[in-house]
Structures are given as structure tokens and as C-alpha cells.
Amino acid sequence: SESSGGSATSENASDAGGSGGKLDVVGYSTPESVYAESLEPAFEKTPEGAGVSFSNSFGASGDQSRAVAAGQPASVVHFAQAGDMERLVEEGEIVAKDWEKVGPYKGIAQNSVVVISVRPGNPEGIKSLDDVLSKDVDVVTPNPFSSGAARWNIMAVYGTLINEGKSPEQALEGVKTLLEKTVAQPGSARDALATFTQGEGDVLLGYENEAIKAINEGEDIEYIVPPSTILIETPIAVTKDAPEPAAEDFLKFIWSKEGQEIWAEQGYRPVDPSLVDPKQFPT
């Protein structure tokens, strides 16, 4: 269940210090480049990371979780939502039951929110998730059977309607409306972004960090942080068979100030509240 880019292996291991060992990182689709290009090279330069090498597999969160449950090697798992982590607790305790209590940030690697990406100039005048439901627009959102992002998108719509005082039944009607407007349901958040930038649909629901990355890479889109949306918390854990102390050291690095600053630079909301810039990340 690797991403379309296949498995990226980094072998910049030095012989000095560190515990060494190879870490298999298995994650949801969007943070692939953050790990391969930033987090892992930065960790390898620390005393704890000297001699450690990495093998990476990234794809739709649900698919990745099922692959690990079925035996895919994994030392550090980072999923889009908690259900995918719970599967690894329930199926053979690949991950410890108390993963939600680990570390300073209770098993969460970084945060994001659901945003609405639109065409340049926002021709449909979309300002909120209510607008997505009420206006005549074609929606791109990933498939909830494979993608954690898709589940967050649906919960953002459901939660916004509940927040407005609608009944659960009315909120479910809103979800139904959303899915009826959906013209493409790619397998992952990354694939959904590619579908949208290739011209499909009027709006894309997805991670704030994906929209920021797309714009930084020159894609011709804009994004709106809706006045009501959902906070996305992405769970991370070390597996019970991971090489130690390398895996725990890497997790500590991800939670360190340096690690959290890397997430912020890449458009993710840090779990360290002191690093959240309100200009970049509106409440």
C-alpha cells in the first residue's frame, strides 16, 4: 500500500553515535515529503539519529493501517485518524493500548483543519461549508472507505451543521447533499488534490496543509479556512516490535521544538501551541 511514488529509502547513516537500526515509517498520504525531505534527514544529524536509516511507505490511511495489520513491516505509524490506529491495537496489539497517553502531546503528531480549495478568484463565491452545500458546485473529496481525509471532510460538514443548531438528522442530510455533489472520489487526499489541480470540480475539500503545499508549488488554486470547520488531529505511535531506542528517539524528535517547527514550515499546525502563528493558521 505504498504511494504512487513507491517506497523511498534514505540511507544517510553515519557510524558515529546513535543506536542505529532501520526504521520502517508507514503513514497516510500527505506527509510523505515532510518525512523524506525534512524530518528524517534532520533526525539523522542528531546524536540519537546517527546510524539510523529509514524505509518509507505512504498512502491512503485506511489502506496503510490494514496493510500493517496484515503484516507490513512498521516501526513508526502515522495515520490520518484514530480509528486506523485503534485497528492496530485490536488486531494483535501491534501498537500499545495506551498510545493516546504517550508523550507530551498525547499521541498526536501534528494538527490541521478542513479547508475549501477553489479556482483562482473564487468564481463561485464560496466562503463556508454551508456555501458548498447550497450553491451549484461540483465537489472533489476522497473516498471515505480508503481515506482518513475523506472522513474528516464529512465530519467537518456534519459538525458545522450541528454547531449551527441543526439536528443529527439534518446534519446527515447535509452529508448526503455533499456526497450527491461529489464528482470524483479519489483514493487518498494526495490523489484528490491531483484530480482537482488537473481541472476536475469547482471545489476541493481537504487538509489545510495540502492546500498550502499546492500553492507553494505553484498550483493555480486558492483556499478558504471556513468560519466553522473541524480540528484534525493525526495520531502517531511506535509499534511493539520497533527497534529501540531509535523509534522512541525519532518520536521524541518529532515532538521536539525542531520537529514541530518543521511541521509548521510545511503547512501543518504544530501540536506545540507556542509555535502556532495565528496569521498563518487562523483559529
Protein backbone atom coordinates (compact mmCIF):
# COMPACT_ATOMS: atom_id res chain seq x y z
CA SER A 1 0.00 0.00 0.00
CA GLU A 2 2.71 2.42 -0.91
CA SER A 3 2.06 5.76 -2.53
CA SER A 4 2.33 6.09 -6.29
CA GLY A 5 5.89 7.26 -5.74
CA GLY A 6 6.75 3.85 -4.27
CA SER A 7 8.98 3.30 -1.29
CA ALA A 8 11.61 5.93 -0.55
CA THR A 9 14.61 4.68 1.38
CA SER A 10 17.09 7.02 3.00
CA GLU A 11 20.49 5.55 3.79
CA ASN A 12 22.43 8.56 5.10
CA ALA A 13 23.53 6.58 8.11
CA SER A 14 26.74 7.68 9.78
CA ASP A 15 28.80 5.46 12.04
CA ALA A 16 29.14 7.91 14.92
CA GLY A 17 26.89 7.68 17.98
CA GLY A 18 23.20 6.79 17.93
CA SER A 19 21.64 3.40 18.32
CA GLY A 20 21.49 2.63 14.61
CA GLY A 21 18.91 0.36 13.09
CA LYS A 22 16.37 0.73 10.29
CA LEU A 23 13.02 2.38 10.90
CA ASP A 24 10.06 1.50 8.69
CA VAL A 25 7.78 4.56 8.64
CA VAL A 26 4.22 3.84 7.47
CA GLY A 27 1.96 6.85 7.04
CA TYR A 28 -1.06 8.45 5.42
CA SER A 29 -0.60 10.09 2.03
CA THR A 30 0.15 13.76 2.65
CA PRO A 31 3.26 13.97 4.90
CA GLU A 32 5.46 11.79 2.66
CA SER A 33 7.75 14.65 1.56
CA VAL A 34 7.93 16.10 5.10
CA TYR A 35 9.38 12.81 6.35
CA ALA A 36 11.67 12.04 3.40
CA GLU A 37 12.99 15.56 2.79
CA SER A 38 12.92 17.18 6.24
CA LEU A 39 12.17 15.15 9.40
CA GLU A 40 14.32 12.10 8.65
CA PRO A 41 17.43 13.98 7.39
CA ALA A 42 17.19 16.36 10.39
CA PHE A 43 16.92 13.42 12.82
CA GLU A 44 19.91 11.68 11.20
CA LYS A 45 22.02 14.74 12.06
CA THR A 46 21.22 14.43 15.79
CA PRO A 47 23.34 12.28 18.16
CA GLU A 48 20.34 9.93 18.63
CA GLY A 49 19.73 9.63 14.88
CA ALA A 50 23.32 8.85 13.87
CA GLY A 51 23.42 5.45 12.17
CA VAL A 52 19.65 5.21 11.76
CA SER A 53 18.23 4.57 8.28
CA PHE A 54 14.64 4.79 7.02
CA SER A 55 12.27 2.98 4.70
CA ASN A 56 9.01 4.82 3.94
CA SER A 57 5.56 3.78 2.79
CA PHE A 58 2.79 6.39 2.37
CA GLY A 59 -0.75 6.04 1.01
CA ALA A 60 -4.43 6.27 1.93
CA SER A 61 -4.64 5.99 5.72
CA GLY A 62 -7.16 3.15 5.95
CA ASP A 63 -5.27 1.10 3.36
CA GLN A 64 -1.98 1.67 5.22
CA SER A 65 -3.49 0.63 8.56
CA ARG A 66 -4.94 -2.56 7.06
CA ALA A 67 -1.56 -3.36 5.46
CA VAL A 68 0.25 -3.09 8.81
CA ALA A 69 -2.44 -5.23 10.47
CA ALA A 70 -1.82 -7.81 7.71
CA GLY A 71 1.94 -7.89 8.38
CA GLN A 72 3.60 -5.00 6.52
CA PRO A 73 6.76 -4.06 8.48
CA ALA A 74 6.30 -0.89 10.51
CA SER A 75 8.31 0.78 13.28
CA VAL A 76 6.55 4.16 13.38
CA VAL A 77 2.93 4.51 12.20
CA HIS A 78 1.32 7.89 11.48
CA PHE A 79 -2.30 7.82 10.36
CA ALA A 80 -4.92 10.39 9.39
CA GLN A 81 -7.37 9.46 12.14
CA ALA A 82 -7.60 7.46 15.35
CA GLY A 83 -9.71 4.59 14.00
CA ASP A 84 -6.78 3.50 11.87
CA MET A 85 -4.54 3.42 14.97
CA GLU A 86 -7.16 1.55 17.03
CA ARG A 87 -7.21 -1.21 14.40
CA LEU A 88 -3.55 -1.94 15.29
CA VAL A 89 -4.44 -2.14 18.99
CA GLU A 90 -7.34 -4.50 18.35
CA GLU A 91 -5.59 -6.72 15.79
CA GLY A 92 -2.65 -8.23 17.67
CA GLU A 93 -1.70 -5.23 19.81
CA ILE A 94 0.80 -4.07 17.19
CA VAL A 95 0.50 -0.71 18.94
CA ALA A 96 0.17 -0.28 22.73
CA LYS A 97 -3.34 0.26 24.13
CA ASP A 98 -2.25 3.49 25.80
CA TRP A 99 -0.91 5.15 22.61
CA GLU A 100 -3.20 8.14 23.33
CA LYS A 101 -1.32 8.82 26.58
CA VAL A 102 2.21 8.75 25.14
CA GLY A 103 4.44 11.82 25.01
CA PRO A 104 3.79 15.49 25.71
CA TYR A 105 1.05 15.69 23.05
CA LYS A 106 -0.92 12.50 23.82
CA GLY A 107 -0.06 10.52 20.69
CA ILE A 108 -0.77 13.35 18.19
CA ALA A 109 1.99 14.29 15.71
CA GLN A 110 0.53 17.49 14.24
CA ASN A 111 -2.81 19.15 13.51
CA SER A 112 -4.62 20.59 10.53
CA VAL A 113 -8.14 21.74 9.63
CA VAL A 114 -10.51 21.01 6.74
CA VAL A 115 -10.37 23.85 4.20
CA ILE A 116 -12.09 24.55 0.88
CA SER A 117 -9.87 24.89 -2.18
CA VAL A 118 -11.34 26.88 -5.08
CA ARG A 119 -10.39 28.10 -8.55
CA PRO A 120 -8.44 31.40 -8.84
CA GLY A 121 -10.55 34.41 -7.87
CA ASN A 122 -13.11 32.12 -6.18
CA PRO A 123 -15.60 32.41 -9.07
CA GLU A 124 -18.35 30.60 -7.13
CA GLY A 125 -18.01 32.96 -4.13
CA ILE A 126 -17.52 30.14 -1.63
CA LYS A 127 -16.90 31.31 1.93
CA SER A 128 -18.15 28.43 4.10
CA LEU A 129 -19.13 24.77 4.12
CA ASP A 130 -22.76 25.96 4.01
CA ASP A 131 -21.98 27.58 0.65
CA VAL A 132 -20.59 24.27 -0.63
CA LEU A 133 -23.93 22.63 0.28
CA SER A 134 -26.22 25.39 -1.01
CA LYS A 135 -24.50 26.52 -4.23
CA ASP A 136 -24.45 24.67 -7.53
CA VAL A 137 -20.88 23.37 -7.34
CA ASP A 138 -19.11 20.13 -8.22
CA VAL A 139 -17.12 18.75 -5.28
CA VAL A 140 -13.94 16.67 -5.15
CA THR A 141 -13.35 14.80 -1.86
CA PRO A 142 -11.54 11.49 -1.34
CA ASN A 143 -13.19 8.12 -0.75
CA PRO A 144 -14.05 7.55 2.95
CA PHE A 145 -13.51 3.79 2.65
CA SER A 146 -9.79 4.30 2.00
CA SER A 147 -9.02 7.87 3.08
CA GLY A 148 -8.86 9.41 6.54
CA ALA A 149 -9.05 12.89 4.96
CA ALA A 150 -12.42 11.97 3.45
CA ARG A 151 -13.78 11.08 6.91
CA TRP A 152 -12.54 14.38 8.31
CA ASN A 153 -14.22 16.24 5.42
CA ILE A 154 -17.54 14.53 6.14
CA MET A 155 -17.25 15.21 9.87
CA ALA A 156 -16.43 18.88 9.14
CA VAL A 157 -19.73 19.24 7.27
CA TYR A 158 -21.65 17.23 9.90
CA GLY A 159 -20.08 19.13 12.80
CA THR A 160 -20.63 22.54 11.20
CA LEU A 161 -24.36 21.82 10.86
CA ILE A 162 -24.57 20.52 14.45
CA ASN A 163 -22.69 23.65 15.58
CA GLU A 164 -25.37 25.76 13.86
CA GLY A 165 -28.07 24.05 15.93
CA LYS A 166 -29.24 21.55 13.30
CA SER A 167 -30.46 18.12 14.41
CA PRO A 168 -28.36 15.00 13.78
CA GLU A 169 -30.86 14.03 11.06
CA GLN A 170 -30.45 17.41 9.34
CA ALA A 171 -26.67 17.12 9.64
CA LEU A 172 -26.80 13.71 7.96
CA GLU A 173 -28.92 15.23 5.19
CA GLY A 174 -26.12 17.78 4.72
CA VAL A 175 -23.60 14.94 4.37
CA LYS A 176 -25.89 13.29 1.81
CA THR A 177 -26.09 16.59 -0.12
CA LEU A 178 -22.29 16.84 -0.08
CA LEU A 179 -21.85 13.32 -1.46
CA GLU A 180 -24.51 13.91 -4.14
CA LYS A 181 -22.48 16.93 -5.35
CA THR A 182 -19.26 14.89 -5.43
CA VAL A 183 -17.96 14.30 -8.97
CA ALA A 184 -14.75 12.45 -8.01
CA GLN A 185 -13.71 10.36 -5.01
CA PRO A 186 -10.01 9.52 -5.40
CA GLY A 187 -8.39 7.06 -3.01
CA SER A 188 -6.37 9.49 -0.92
CA ALA A 189 -6.06 13.19 -0.07
CA ARG A 190 -2.97 13.45 -2.27
CA ASP A 191 -4.80 11.88 -5.23
CA ALA A 192 -7.82 14.17 -4.64
CA LEU A 193 -5.58 17.24 -4.82
CA ALA A 194 -4.08 15.97 -8.09
CA THR A 195 -7.58 15.42 -9.50
CA PHE A 196 -8.58 18.99 -8.59
CA THR A 197 -5.42 20.65 -9.94
CA GLN A 198 -5.92 18.75 -13.20
CA GLY A 199 -9.23 20.60 -13.63
CA GLU A 200 -11.95 18.38 -12.13
CA GLY A 201 -14.60 20.02 -9.92
CA ASP A 202 -15.29 23.53 -8.62
CA VAL A 203 -14.23 22.95 -5.01
CA LEU A 204 -11.96 20.51 -3.19
CA LEU A 205 -12.38 19.64 0.48
CA GLY A 206 -9.14 18.68 2.15
CA TYR A 207 -6.30 19.34 4.54
CA GLU A 208 -5.12 22.93 5.04
CA ASN A 209 -1.52 21.69 4.72
CA GLU A 210 -2.23 20.20 1.28
CA ALA A 211 -3.65 23.49 0.01
CA ILE A 212 -0.63 25.40 1.37
CA LYS A 213 1.79 22.91 -0.24
CA ALA A 214 -0.02 23.09 -3.60
CA ILE A 215 0.14 26.90 -3.67
CA ASN A 216 3.83 26.87 -2.63
CA GLU A 217 4.50 24.50 -5.54
CA GLY A 218 2.85 26.91 -7.99
CA GLU A 219 -0.56 25.28 -8.42
CA ASP A 220 -3.21 27.78 -9.56
CA ILE A 221 -5.69 27.42 -6.69
CA GLU A 222 -6.83 29.40 -3.64
CA TYR A 223 -8.17 28.13 -0.33
CA ILE A 224 -10.61 29.32 2.31
CA VAL A 225 -10.48 28.45 6.01
CA PRO A 226 -14.23 28.28 6.75
CA PRO A 227 -15.53 30.13 9.83
CA SER A 228 -16.65 26.73 11.17
CA THR A 229 -14.55 23.66 10.41
CA ILE A 230 -13.03 20.68 12.23
CA LEU A 231 -9.68 20.38 14.01
CA ILE A 232 -7.78 17.43 12.55
CA GLU A 233 -5.50 15.57 14.97
CA THR A 234 -3.29 12.91 13.38
CA PRO A 235 -2.15 10.01 15.59
CA ILE A 236 1.39 8.65 15.70
CA ALA A 237 2.85 5.67 17.58
CA VAL A 238 5.79 3.32 17.80
CA THR A 239 4.99 -0.36 17.21
CA LYS A 240 5.77 -3.00 19.81
CA ASP A 241 8.47 -4.63 17.64
CA ALA A 242 10.19 -1.37 16.60
CA PRO A 243 13.98 -1.16 17.01
CA GLU A 244 14.74 0.68 20.23
CA PRO A 245 15.77 3.23 21.25
CA ALA A 246 15.79 4.51 17.65
CA ALA A 247 11.99 4.51 17.19
CA GLU A 248 11.27 6.26 20.50
CA ASP A 249 14.06 8.74 19.83
CA PHE A 250 12.56 9.57 16.44
CA LEU A 251 9.13 10.07 18.02
CA LYS A 252 10.66 12.39 20.63
CA PHE A 253 12.34 14.32 17.82
CA ILE A 254 9.00 14.75 16.01
CA TRP A 255 7.58 16.25 19.24
CA SER A 256 10.64 18.45 19.87
CA LYS A 257 10.67 22.16 19.05
CA GLU A 258 12.83 21.45 15.97
CA GLY A 259 10.47 18.72 14.77
CA GLN A 260 7.36 20.83 15.34
CA GLU A 261 8.94 23.79 13.52
CA ILE A 262 9.47 21.51 10.51
CA TRP A 263 5.74 20.66 10.52
CA ALA A 264 4.84 24.37 10.71
CA GLU A 265 7.15 25.23 7.80
CA GLN A 266 5.34 22.59 5.72
CA GLY A 267 1.85 24.00 6.41
CA TYR A 268 0.82 21.74 9.30
CA ARG A 269 -0.41 23.19 12.59
CA PRO A 270 2.10 22.29 15.32
CA VAL A 271 0.80 20.50 18.43
CA ASP A 272 3.11 22.81 20.38
CA PRO A 273 0.76 25.79 20.89
CA SER A 274 3.66 28.25 21.25
CA LEU A 275 4.59 27.60 17.60
CA VAL A 276 1.14 28.24 16.07
CA ASP A 277 1.30 31.52 14.14
CA PRO A 278 -2.28 32.94 14.03
CA LYS A 279 -1.52 34.77 10.77
CA GLN A 280 -0.68 31.52 9.01
CA PHE A 281 -3.16 29.39 10.98
CA PRO A 282 -6.36 31.31 11.81
CA THR A 283 -8.41 29.96 14.71
